[in-house]
C-alpha atoms as a PDB file:
ATOM      1  CA  MET A   1     -33.391-204.495-120.502  1.00  0.00           C
ATOM      2  CA  ARG A   2     -33.507-202.939-124.011  1.00  0.00           C
ATOM      3  CA  ALA A   3     -36.562-202.139-126.516  1.00  0.00           C
ATOM      4  CA  ILE A   4     -35.425-203.429-130.146  1.00  0.00           C
ATOM      5  CA  GLY A   5     -36.716-202.579-133.925  1.00  0.00           C
ATOM      6  CA  SER A   6     -39.334-200.094-133.514  1.00  0.00           C
ATOM      7  CA  TYR A   7     -40.635-201.409-129.520  1.00  0.00           C
ATOM      8  CA  VAL A   8     -41.023-199.082-127.282  1.00  0.00           C
ATOM      9  CA  ILE A   9     -40.989-200.508-123.592  1.00  0.00           C
ATOM     10  CA  LEU A  10     -43.543-198.167-121.479  1.00  0.00           C
ATOM     11  CA  ARG A  11     -44.217-198.318-117.413  1.00  0.00           C
ATOM     12  CA  LYS A  12     -47.696-197.373-116.861  1.00  0.00           C
ATOM     13  CA  GLN A  13     -48.572-194.574-114.487  1.00  0.00           C
ATOM     14  CA  GLN A  14     -51.016-193.870-112.190  1.00  0.00           C
ATOM     15  CA  GLU A  15     -53.453-191.169-113.240  1.00  0.00           C
ATOM     16  CA  GLU A  16     -56.446-189.192-111.186  1.00  0.00           C
ATOM     17  CA  VAL A  17     -59.452-189.289-113.739  1.00  0.00           C
ATOM     18  CA  LYS A  18     -62.366-187.037-112.556  1.00  0.00           C
ATOM     19  CA  ASN A  19     -65.751-186.883-113.915  1.00  0.00           C
ATOM     20  CA  SER A  20     -67.198-183.931-114.865  1.00  0.00           C
ATOM     21  CA  MET A  21     -68.710-183.468-111.309  1.00  0.00           C
ATOM     22  CA  GLY A  22     -65.538-183.805-109.571  1.00  0.00           C
ATOM     23  CA  LEU A  23     -66.337-187.771-108.785  1.00  0.00           C
ATOM     24  CA  ILE A  24     -62.651-189.688-108.937  1.00  0.00           C
ATOM     25  CA  MET A  25     -62.894-192.467-111.094  1.00  0.00           C
ATOM     26  CA  THR A  26     -61.719-196.128-110.193  1.00  0.00           C
ATOM     27  CA  GLU A  27     -59.849-198.271-111.992  1.00  0.00           C
ATOM     28  CA  ALA A  28     -63.278-200.702-113.333  1.00  0.00           C
ATOM     29  CA  ASN A  29     -64.361-197.364-114.970  1.00  0.00           C
ATOM     30  CA  GLU A  30     -61.168-197.021-117.027  1.00  0.00           C
ATOM     31  CA  LYS A  31     -61.493-199.340-119.132  1.00  0.00           C
ATOM     32  CA  ASP A  32     -63.628-196.944-121.050  1.00  0.00           C
ATOM     33  CA  ILE A  33     -60.758-195.214-121.224  1.00  0.00           C
ATOM     34  CA  ARG A  34     -58.417-196.183-124.893  1.00  0.00           C
ATOM     35  CA  TYR A  35     -55.610-194.269-124.378  1.00  0.00           C
ATOM     36  CA  LYS A  36     -53.420-194.330-121.136  1.00  0.00           C
ATOM     37  CA  LEU A  37     -50.355-192.026-119.780  1.00  0.00           C
ATOM     38  CA  ALA A  38     -46.824-193.926-119.360  1.00  0.00           C
ATOM     39  CA  GLU A  39     -43.444-193.357-119.115  1.00  0.00           C
ATOM     40  CA  VAL A  40     -40.647-194.789-121.552  1.00  0.00           C
ATOM     41  CA  VAL A  41     -38.311-197.152-120.210  1.00  0.00           C
ATOM     42  CA  SER A  42     -36.797-198.339-123.557  1.00  0.00           C
ATOM     43  CA  ALA A  43     -37.017-197.380-126.903  1.00  0.00           C
ATOM     44  CA  GLY A  44     -35.839-199.595-130.200  1.00  0.00           C
ATOM     45  CA  ASP A  45     -33.186-198.320-132.452  1.00  0.00           C
ATOM     46  CA  ASP A  46     -35.711-197.476-135.052  1.00  0.00           C
ATOM     47  CA  VAL A  47     -38.005-195.319-133.217  1.00  0.00           C
ATOM     48  CA  LYS A  48     -37.387-191.677-133.276  1.00  0.00           C
ATOM     49  CA  ASP A  49     -38.547-188.973-131.611  1.00  0.00           C
ATOM     50  CA  LEU A  50     -39.229-190.899-128.173  1.00  0.00           C
ATOM     51  CA  ASP A  51     -36.672-190.246-125.281  1.00  0.00           C
ATOM     52  CA  VAL A  52     -36.710-192.645-121.911  1.00  0.00           C
ATOM     53  CA  GLY A  53     -38.174-190.686-119.316  1.00  0.00           C
ATOM     54  CA  ALA A  54     -40.643-188.949-121.600  1.00  0.00           C
ATOM     55  CA  SER A  55     -44.308-189.370-120.886  1.00  0.00           C
ATOM     56  CA  VAL A  56     -46.341-190.356-123.326  1.00  0.00           C
ATOM     57  CA  PHE A  57     -50.184-191.658-123.887  1.00  0.00           C
ATOM     58  CA  TYR A  58     -50.361-194.810-126.015  1.00  0.00           C
ATOM     59  CA  ASP A  59     -52.942-197.394-127.123  1.00  0.00           C
ATOM     60  CA  SER A  60     -53.963-199.537-124.657  1.00  0.00           C
ATOM     61  CA  ALA A  61     -55.722-201.541-127.032  1.00  0.00           C
ATOM     62  CA  ALA A  62     -52.407-202.419-129.038  1.00  0.00           C
ATOM     63  CA  SER A  63     -50.110-202.684-126.330  1.00  0.00           C
ATOM     64  CA  SER A  64     -49.107-206.282-124.282  1.00  0.00           C
ATOM     65  CA  ASP A  65     -47.877-206.700-120.501  1.00  0.00           C
ATOM     66  CA  ILE A  66     -44.955-208.009-119.852  1.00  0.00           C
ATOM     67  CA  ARG A  67     -43.677-208.920-116.231  1.00  0.00           C
ATOM     68  CA  ILE A  68     -39.503-208.291-115.418  1.00  0.00           C
ATOM     69  CA  ASP A  69     -38.047-208.205-112.270  1.00  0.00           C
ATOM     70  CA  GLY A  70     -41.508-208.314-110.674  1.00  0.00           C
ATOM     71  CA  GLU A  71     -42.479-204.876-112.143  1.00  0.00           C
ATOM     72  CA  LYS A  72     -45.100-204.857-115.020  1.00  0.00           C
ATOM     73  CA  LEU A  73     -44.705-202.780-118.064  1.00  0.00           C
ATOM     74  CA  ALA A  74     -46.328-202.481-121.155  1.00  0.00           C
ATOM     75  CA  VAL A  75     -44.653-203.065-124.430  1.00  0.00           C
ATOM     76  CA  VAL A  76     -45.609-201.534-127.719  1.00  0.00           C
ATOM     77  CA  LEU A  77     -45.145-200.208-131.342  1.00  0.00           C
ATOM     78  CA  ASP A  78     -43.967-196.748-131.593  1.00  0.00           C
ATOM     79  CA  ARG A  79     -47.033-196.177-133.913  1.00  0.00           C
ATOM     80  CA  ASN A  80     -49.174-196.624-130.859  1.00  0.00           C
ATOM     81  CA  VAL A  81     -47.623-194.106-128.971  1.00  0.00           C
ATOM     82  CA  VAL A  82     -50.180-191.012-129.834  1.00  0.00           C
ATOM     83  CA  ILE A  83     -49.000-188.087-127.928  1.00  0.00           C
ATOM     84  CA  VAL A  84     -45.536-186.969-125.805  1.00  0.00           C
ATOM     85  CA  LEU A  85     -46.010-184.727-123.534  1.00  0.00           C
END
């Protein structure tokens, strides 16, 4: 599997989100969080500064989900990756 053009394929990562009182937020509460953590699986030829395996935050509102070999992945344009860790 390989991304083309300026598309990026991401594997969503689970992150433990705590509120100000230290309580762990559930997945239902995370819908309010727009930017999600993921790992780069593949980046198209037009994508600069993103390496496979890099951890990034991406705009989940601009992503599309796809299932490949039973694994749910996200597909975004490179401009929707906002932070590289």
